[in-house]
């Protein structure tokens, strides 16, 4: 992955990373793979605070470009629309599993 630009947006408390990823002889990278790579490239970032946007692959070319936002806190992420949260819900580190786990434990006493 090559970082085209990295900009710190102090007003929205986030780092905006524009990237291009050349993936020869591999399929198009998933949103999860992009999030993993952004997390390794941005030191101190939290996986739950990364949002991948505008990810597109050129037809016939092994090149994917996109934009990733790394927020500083959950409160700063409030500027994102609701559909973005739903899109990234399954990729978060336990948002669905933590809410479902207690209900499964309670039902075992019957």
Protein backbone atom coordinates (compact mmCIF):
# COMPACT_ATOMS: atom_id res chain seq x y z
CA UNK A 1 0.00 0.00 0.00
CA UNK A 2 1.24 3.44 -0.89
CA UNK A 3 0.07 6.48 1.04
CA UNK A 4 -0.66 9.24 -1.47
CA UNK A 5 -1.36 11.88 1.17
CA UNK A 6 -1.76 12.09 4.92
CA UNK A 7 -3.52 15.09 6.39
CA UNK A 8 -4.37 15.84 10.00
CA UNK A 9 -7.80 17.43 10.25
CA UNK A 10 -7.74 19.10 13.66
CA UNK A 11 -11.29 20.44 13.37
CA UNK A 12 -12.79 16.95 13.01
CA UNK A 13 -10.13 15.23 15.18
CA UNK A 14 -9.08 12.74 12.53
CA UNK A 15 -6.24 11.80 10.21
CA UNK A 16 -7.24 11.52 6.54
CA UNK A 17 -5.20 9.02 4.53
CA UNK A 18 -5.48 8.78 0.76
CA UNK A 19 -4.00 5.50 -0.50
CA UNK A 20 -3.42 3.33 -3.53
CA UNK A 21 -2.85 -0.42 -3.27
CA UNK A 22 -1.38 -2.43 -6.10
CA UNK A 23 -2.45 -6.06 -5.65
CA UNK A 24 -0.85 -8.10 -8.44
CA UNK A 25 -2.14 -11.67 -8.80
CA UNK A 26 -4.54 -11.21 -5.87
CA UNK A 27 -8.20 -10.38 -5.59
CA UNK A 28 -9.49 -6.97 -4.61
CA UNK A 29 -8.67 -6.35 -0.94
CA UNK A 30 -11.60 -6.43 1.46
CA UNK A 31 -12.54 -3.53 3.71
CA UNK A 32 -11.17 -5.56 6.64
CA UNK A 33 -7.77 -5.97 4.94
CA UNK A 34 -7.63 -2.23 4.23
CA UNK A 35 -8.47 -1.47 7.87
CA UNK A 36 -5.74 -3.86 9.07
CA UNK A 37 -3.14 -2.23 6.85
CA UNK A 38 -4.17 1.30 7.83
CA UNK A 39 -3.90 0.29 11.48
CA UNK A 40 -0.32 -0.91 10.96
CA UNK A 41 0.65 2.17 8.93
CA UNK A 42 -0.82 4.67 11.41
CA UNK A 43 0.93 4.17 14.77
CA UNK A 44 -1.31 4.26 17.82
CA UNK A 45 -4.55 3.91 15.86
CA UNK A 46 -7.52 1.99 17.21
CA UNK A 47 -9.30 -0.43 14.86
CA UNK A 48 -12.71 0.70 16.18
CA UNK A 49 -11.96 4.28 15.13
CA UNK A 50 -10.99 3.61 11.48
CA UNK A 51 -13.43 4.31 8.63
CA UNK A 52 -12.70 3.29 5.03
CA UNK A 53 -14.41 5.40 2.37
CA UNK A 54 -14.33 5.78 -1.41
CA UNK A 55 -12.61 2.45 -2.01
CA UNK A 56 -12.60 1.63 -5.73
CA UNK A 57 -10.81 -0.79 -8.03
CA UNK A 58 -10.18 -0.11 -11.71
CA UNK A 59 -11.62 -2.67 -14.12
CA UNK A 60 -8.85 -4.85 -15.51
CA UNK A 61 -6.19 -3.31 -13.30
CA UNK A 62 -4.87 -4.62 -9.99
CA UNK A 63 -5.08 -1.16 -8.42
CA UNK A 64 -7.38 -0.06 -5.60
CA UNK A 65 -7.55 3.54 -4.42
CA UNK A 66 -9.40 4.95 -1.48
CA UNK A 67 -9.65 7.15 1.54
CA UNK A 68 -9.40 6.14 5.19
CA UNK A 69 -10.19 8.22 8.26
CA UNK A 70 -8.56 7.50 11.62
CA UNK A 71 -10.51 9.24 14.38
CA UNK A 72 -9.12 10.17 17.78
CA UNK A 73 -12.25 9.20 19.78
CA UNK A 74 -15.78 7.79 19.54
CA UNK A 75 -17.18 11.28 20.04
CA UNK A 76 -15.24 12.54 17.01
CA UNK A 77 -16.82 9.77 14.88
CA UNK A 78 -20.27 11.27 15.46
CA UNK A 79 -19.87 13.29 12.23
CA UNK A 80 -20.16 10.09 10.17
CA UNK A 81 -23.62 9.17 8.85
CA UNK A 82 -25.47 6.14 10.23
CA UNK A 83 -24.98 3.94 7.17
CA UNK A 84 -21.20 4.16 7.64
CA UNK A 85 -21.56 2.72 11.15
CA UNK A 86 -23.71 -0.13 9.81
CA UNK A 87 -21.22 -0.82 7.01
CA UNK A 88 -18.32 -1.12 9.47
CA UNK A 89 -20.28 -2.83 12.26
CA UNK A 90 -19.16 -6.37 11.45
CA UNK A 91 -15.52 -5.24 11.20
CA UNK A 92 -15.31 -3.73 14.66
CA UNK A 93 -13.50 -5.57 17.44
CA UNK A 94 -16.50 -6.83 19.36
CA UNK A 95 -19.39 -4.39 18.98
CA UNK A 96 -21.90 -7.14 18.10
CA UNK A 97 -20.35 -9.99 20.08
CA UNK A 98 -20.28 -8.07 23.36
CA UNK A 99 -23.95 -7.15 23.14
CA UNK A 100 -25.01 -10.69 22.24
CA UNK A 101 -22.87 -12.55 24.77
CA UNK A 102 -24.80 -11.63 27.96
CA UNK A 103 -28.16 -12.60 26.45
CA UNK A 104 -26.79 -16.05 25.56
CA UNK A 105 -25.53 -16.59 29.12
CA UNK A 106 -28.85 -15.58 30.67
CA UNK A 107 -30.82 -18.02 28.53
CA UNK A 108 -28.78 -21.05 29.71
CA UNK A 109 -30.45 -21.27 33.15
CA UNK A 110 -33.82 -22.49 31.87
